[in-house]
Protein backbone atom coordinates (compact mmCIF):
# COMPACT_ATOMS: atom_id res chain seq x y z
CA MET A 1 -2.36 -12.70 -20.25
CA SER A 2 -0.43 -14.41 -17.46
CA GLN A 3 -0.46 -18.20 -17.10
CA ASN A 4 -1.26 -17.74 -13.41
CA LEU A 5 -4.84 -17.73 -12.18
CA PHE A 6 -4.09 -14.44 -10.41
CA GLN A 7 -1.30 -12.10 -9.35
CA TYR A 8 -0.80 -11.38 -5.65
CA CYS A 9 -0.07 -7.68 -5.35
CA ALA A 10 0.50 -6.53 -1.76
CA LYS A 11 -0.23 -2.92 -0.84
CA LEU A 12 1.22 -0.93 2.05
CA VAL A 13 -1.34 1.37 3.69
CA VAL A 14 1.16 3.61 5.47
CA PHE A 15 -0.22 5.85 8.22
CA ASP A 16 1.64 8.47 10.21
CA ALA A 17 2.08 7.75 13.93
CA THR A 18 -1.17 9.55 14.82
CA PHE A 19 -3.30 7.64 12.27
CA THR A 20 -4.49 10.97 10.82
CA LYS A 21 -2.55 10.93 7.53
CA VAL A 22 -1.89 8.27 4.93
CA LEU A 23 0.84 8.01 2.28
CA LEU A 24 -0.38 7.95 -1.33
CA CYS A 25 1.89 7.72 -4.37
CA LYS A 26 1.10 9.00 -7.86
CA ARG A 27 1.46 6.18 -10.40
CA VAL A 28 3.03 6.88 -13.77
CA GLY A 29 3.07 4.83 -16.97
CA GLU A 30 0.49 2.29 -15.84
CA ALA A 31 -2.34 1.32 -18.19
CA ASP A 32 -5.06 1.07 -15.56
CA PHE A 33 -4.14 3.89 -13.16
CA ASN A 34 -1.73 6.31 -14.83
CA GLU A 35 -1.48 9.66 -12.96
CA THR A 36 -3.61 8.27 -10.13
CA PHE A 37 -2.71 8.28 -6.42
CA SER A 38 -2.72 4.87 -4.75
CA PHE A 39 -1.00 2.89 -2.02
CA PRO A 40 2.60 1.78 -2.67
CA GLY A 41 3.27 -1.90 -3.18
CA GLY A 42 3.49 -4.47 -5.91
CA LYS A 43 3.48 -8.04 -7.10
CA ILE A 44 5.02 -10.72 -4.92
CA GLU A 45 7.51 -12.74 -6.97
CA ARG A 46 8.42 -16.42 -6.63
CA SER A 47 12.03 -15.41 -6.01
CA ASP A 48 10.96 -13.44 -2.90
CA GLY A 49 10.61 -16.67 -0.91
CA ASP A 50 7.51 -15.56 0.98
CA ILE A 51 4.94 -12.77 1.13
CA TRP A 52 6.69 -10.80 3.88
CA LYS A 53 10.06 -10.79 2.10
CA GLY A 54 8.25 -9.68 -1.05
CA MET A 55 6.70 -6.78 0.83
CA GLN A 56 10.13 -5.83 2.17
CA ARG A 57 11.50 -5.85 -1.37
CA GLU A 58 8.59 -3.72 -2.65
CA LYS A 59 9.07 -1.17 0.16
CA LYS A 60 12.78 -0.98 -0.58
CA GLU A 61 12.20 -0.59 -4.34
CA GLU A 62 9.34 1.88 -4.19
CA LEU A 63 9.98 3.98 -1.07
CA TRP A 64 13.73 3.54 -0.45
CA GLU A 65 15.69 1.35 1.89
CA LYS A 66 16.52 4.16 4.33
CA CYS A 67 13.03 4.62 5.70
CA ARG A 68 11.40 2.31 8.22
CA ILE A 69 7.79 1.22 8.15
CA ARG A 70 6.21 -1.14 10.65
CA LEU A 71 3.79 -3.63 9.08
CA TYR A 72 1.01 -5.17 11.20
CA LYS A 73 0.42 -8.66 9.84
CA ASP A 74 -3.03 -9.35 11.31
CA PHE A 75 -4.82 -6.28 9.92
CA CYS A 76 -5.48 -6.54 6.23
CA ARG A 77 -8.24 -5.79 3.70
CA PHE A 78 -8.38 -7.76 0.43
CA ILE A 79 -9.56 -6.45 -2.93
CA TYR A 80 -10.11 -8.58 -6.04
CA TYR A 81 -9.48 -6.73 -9.30
CA ILE A 82 -9.46 -7.60 -13.02
CA LYS A 83 -7.06 -5.41 -15.00
CA LYS A 84 -7.80 -4.02 -18.47
CA ASP A 85 -5.46 -6.65 -19.94
CA GLY A 86 -7.55 -9.43 -18.36
CA ASN A 87 -5.12 -10.35 -15.57
CA HIS A 88 -6.79 -11.09 -12.23
CA MET A 89 -5.26 -9.64 -9.09
CA ILE A 90 -5.67 -10.17 -5.37
CA LEU A 91 -4.58 -7.05 -3.50
CA PRO A 92 -4.08 -7.39 0.26
CA HIS A 93 -3.86 -3.96 1.90
CA HIS A 94 -1.83 -4.11 5.14
CA ILE A 95 -1.80 -1.52 7.90
CA CYS A 96 1.65 0.04 8.28
CA ILE A 97 3.02 2.89 10.33
CA PHE A 98 5.83 5.14 9.15
CA GLU A 99 8.49 5.12 11.86
CA TRP A 100 11.43 7.14 10.54
CA GLY A 101 13.62 8.06 7.60
CA GLU A 102 13.12 9.67 4.22
CA ILE A 103 10.94 8.55 1.36
CA HIS A 104 12.48 8.44 -2.11
CA ILE A 105 10.04 7.08 -4.67
CA ASN A 106 11.19 5.12 -7.71
CA GLU A 107 10.33 5.55 -11.40
CA GLU A 108 6.92 3.89 -10.98
CA TYR A 109 5.71 7.11 -9.35
CA SER A 110 5.87 10.80 -10.20
CA GLY A 111 5.19 12.03 -6.67
CA TYR A 112 3.74 11.27 -3.26
CA GLU A 113 1.59 13.04 -0.68
CA TRP A 114 0.71 12.59 2.98
CA ILE A 115 -3.08 13.07 2.86
CA ASP A 116 -5.33 13.83 5.83
CA ILE A 117 -7.60 10.77 6.00
CA ASP A 118 -10.66 12.94 6.66
CA LYS A 119 -10.03 14.83 3.42
CA ILE A 120 -9.39 11.97 0.97
CA SER A 121 -12.59 12.60 -0.98
CA THR A 122 -12.20 16.40 -1.01
CA CYS A 123 -8.45 16.92 -1.44
CA GLY A 124 -8.68 17.49 -5.20
CA LEU A 125 -6.25 14.73 -6.18
CA ASN A 126 -6.97 11.93 -8.63
CA ILE A 127 -7.20 9.05 -6.13
CA ILE A 128 -8.19 5.43 -6.84
CA SER A 129 -11.83 5.04 -5.83
CA THR A 130 -11.26 2.25 -3.27
CA VAL A 131 -8.71 4.19 -1.18
CA ASP A 132 -11.23 5.84 1.16
CA THR A 133 -13.11 2.57 1.76
CA ILE A 134 -9.92 0.64 2.47
CA ILE A 135 -8.64 3.26 4.92
CA HIS A 136 -11.87 3.36 6.91
CA SER A 137 -12.20 -0.41 6.84
CA LEU A 138 -8.70 -0.81 8.28
CA LEU A 139 -9.24 1.93 10.86
CA SER A 140 -12.37 0.18 12.12
CA TYR A 141 -9.89 -1.84 14.19
CA THR A 142 -9.01 0.07 17.32
CA GLN A 143 -5.53 1.57 17.51
CA GLU A 144 -5.01 -0.39 20.73
CA ASN A 145 -5.65 -3.68 18.89
CA ILE A 146 -3.43 -2.69 16.00
CA LEU A 147 -0.48 -1.59 18.14
CA ASN A 148 -0.69 -4.12 21.00
CA ILE A 149 -2.20 -7.31 19.66
CA SER A 150 -0.97 -7.73 16.11
CA GLU A 151 2.39 -9.27 15.27
CA SER A 152 4.48 -6.68 13.47
CA PHE A 153 7.88 -6.25 11.90
CA LEU A 154 9.94 -3.51 10.29
CA LEU A 155 10.16 -3.20 6.52
């Protein structure tokens, strides 16, 4: 078990421009969620310098550097999770919008899907149970607030 009290593992909740679809990636080789669809993202490392640079690194590693995603800093939903190995994790889920480019997933995933947010629970995929709750919690903010009020930057 880690010497840290918890791991900070940022997640990118990537919507299409119309807020009707969300990007989910199929994890592979992970003890807790193997072959399960979840949001991309990962642990922030000390060498990242800060949370936002860590999220940029995770996006580049997991989705490819040649796609652009806009992250909205003020809209986030936190989950606390204890892994099977006993490590504690804090998972902030940030609203993002896919702007342009191609997605090329890395070896942590075996595939990805753009899923209609109204069909998350009925799409037939093995999806982490908190995904639907997180999406609807984040979308409780109005699109106007998300797009016009929140500070954002490109990943």
